[in-house]
């Protein structure tokens, strides 16, 4: 494993996963906590979803959130470029 990679175990939907990457352990924890918050939020709203459907709909919601943030970022960059 390259020296700049961290490895950490995280739990999603009751399953343990090993995550490794260049992010710090604090960043990995923050990301996994955020994902778990999103999974729990959707599970509370739709408790009848299977784990697979819960994961897919959570991924869809996160992708939508990412695209909205990217769009907002691009709009801000365009405004700053005009100044």
Protein backbone atom coordinates (compact mmCIF):
# COMPACT_ATOMS: atom_id res chain seq x y z
CA UNK A 1 0.00 0.00 0.00
CA UNK A 2 1.46 3.40 -0.94
CA UNK A 3 2.50 5.54 2.02
CA UNK A 4 -0.01 8.27 1.22
CA UNK A 5 -2.99 5.93 1.60
CA UNK A 6 -4.99 5.41 4.77
CA UNK A 7 -7.13 2.40 5.55
CA UNK A 8 -10.15 2.46 7.81
CA UNK A 9 -13.14 0.23 8.51
CA UNK A 10 -16.58 1.86 8.31
CA UNK A 11 -20.12 0.53 8.66
CA UNK A 12 -23.01 1.18 6.29
CA UNK A 13 -26.39 -0.50 6.64
CA UNK A 14 -24.97 -2.92 9.20
CA UNK A 15 -22.12 -4.08 6.96
CA UNK A 16 -18.45 -3.34 7.53
CA UNK A 17 -16.37 -2.01 4.65
CA UNK A 18 -12.66 -1.28 4.44
CA UNK A 19 -12.05 2.10 2.86
CA UNK A 20 -8.60 3.08 1.69
CA UNK A 21 -7.39 6.17 -0.06
CA UNK A 22 -5.40 9.36 0.12
CA UNK A 23 -7.92 11.04 2.42
CA UNK A 24 -7.02 11.38 6.09
CA UNK A 25 -8.76 9.13 8.58
CA UNK A 26 -10.67 12.19 9.81
CA UNK A 27 -11.89 12.89 6.26
CA UNK A 28 -12.89 9.26 5.77
CA UNK A 29 -14.83 9.33 9.06
CA UNK A 30 -16.52 12.60 8.15
CA UNK A 31 -17.54 11.18 4.76
CA UNK A 32 -18.80 7.92 6.23
CA UNK A 33 -20.73 9.80 8.93
CA UNK A 34 -22.37 11.96 6.25
CA UNK A 35 -23.32 8.92 4.20
CA UNK A 36 -24.78 7.22 7.26
CA UNK A 37 -26.80 10.37 8.05
CA UNK A 38 -28.22 10.34 4.53
CA UNK A 39 -29.01 6.62 4.70
CA UNK A 40 -30.75 7.02 8.08
CA UNK A 41 -32.74 10.05 6.88
CA UNK A 42 -34.08 8.20 3.86
CA UNK A 43 -34.71 5.03 5.88
CA UNK A 44 -36.84 7.02 8.37
CA UNK A 45 -38.86 8.52 5.52
CA UNK A 46 -39.23 5.22 3.63
CA UNK A 47 -38.78 2.33 6.09
CA UNK A 48 -40.19 -0.21 3.62
CA UNK A 49 -37.23 0.14 1.22
CA UNK A 50 -34.87 -2.79 0.83
CA UNK A 51 -31.23 -2.10 1.66
CA UNK A 52 -30.42 -2.19 -2.05
CA UNK A 53 -33.11 0.35 -2.93
CA UNK A 54 -32.14 2.49 0.06
CA UNK A 55 -28.53 2.54 -1.14
CA UNK A 56 -29.52 3.35 -4.73
CA UNK A 57 -31.90 6.16 -3.77
CA UNK A 58 -29.35 7.60 -1.34
CA UNK A 59 -26.73 7.53 -4.12
CA UNK A 60 -29.21 9.26 -6.44
CA UNK A 61 -29.90 11.98 -3.84
CA UNK A 62 -26.17 12.51 -3.26
CA UNK A 63 -25.51 12.70 -7.01
CA UNK A 64 -28.28 15.30 -7.31
CA UNK A 65 -26.77 17.28 -4.43
CA UNK A 66 -23.32 17.12 -6.05
CA UNK A 67 -24.63 18.31 -9.41
CA UNK A 68 -26.45 21.23 -7.77
CA UNK A 69 -23.27 22.25 -5.93
CA UNK A 70 -21.23 21.98 -9.15
CA UNK A 71 -23.77 24.13 -10.99
CA UNK A 72 -23.69 26.75 -8.22
CA UNK A 73 -19.89 26.69 -8.25
CA UNK A 74 -19.77 27.19 -12.02
CA UNK A 75 -22.22 30.10 -11.74
CA UNK A 76 -20.05 31.72 -9.05
CA UNK A 77 -16.91 31.25 -11.12
CA UNK A 78 -18.65 32.83 -14.12
CA UNK A 79 -19.68 35.82 -11.99
CA UNK A 80 -16.13 36.23 -10.66
CA UNK A 81 -14.66 35.94 -14.16
CA UNK A 82 -16.84 38.85 -15.31
CA UNK A 83 -15.49 41.13 -12.58
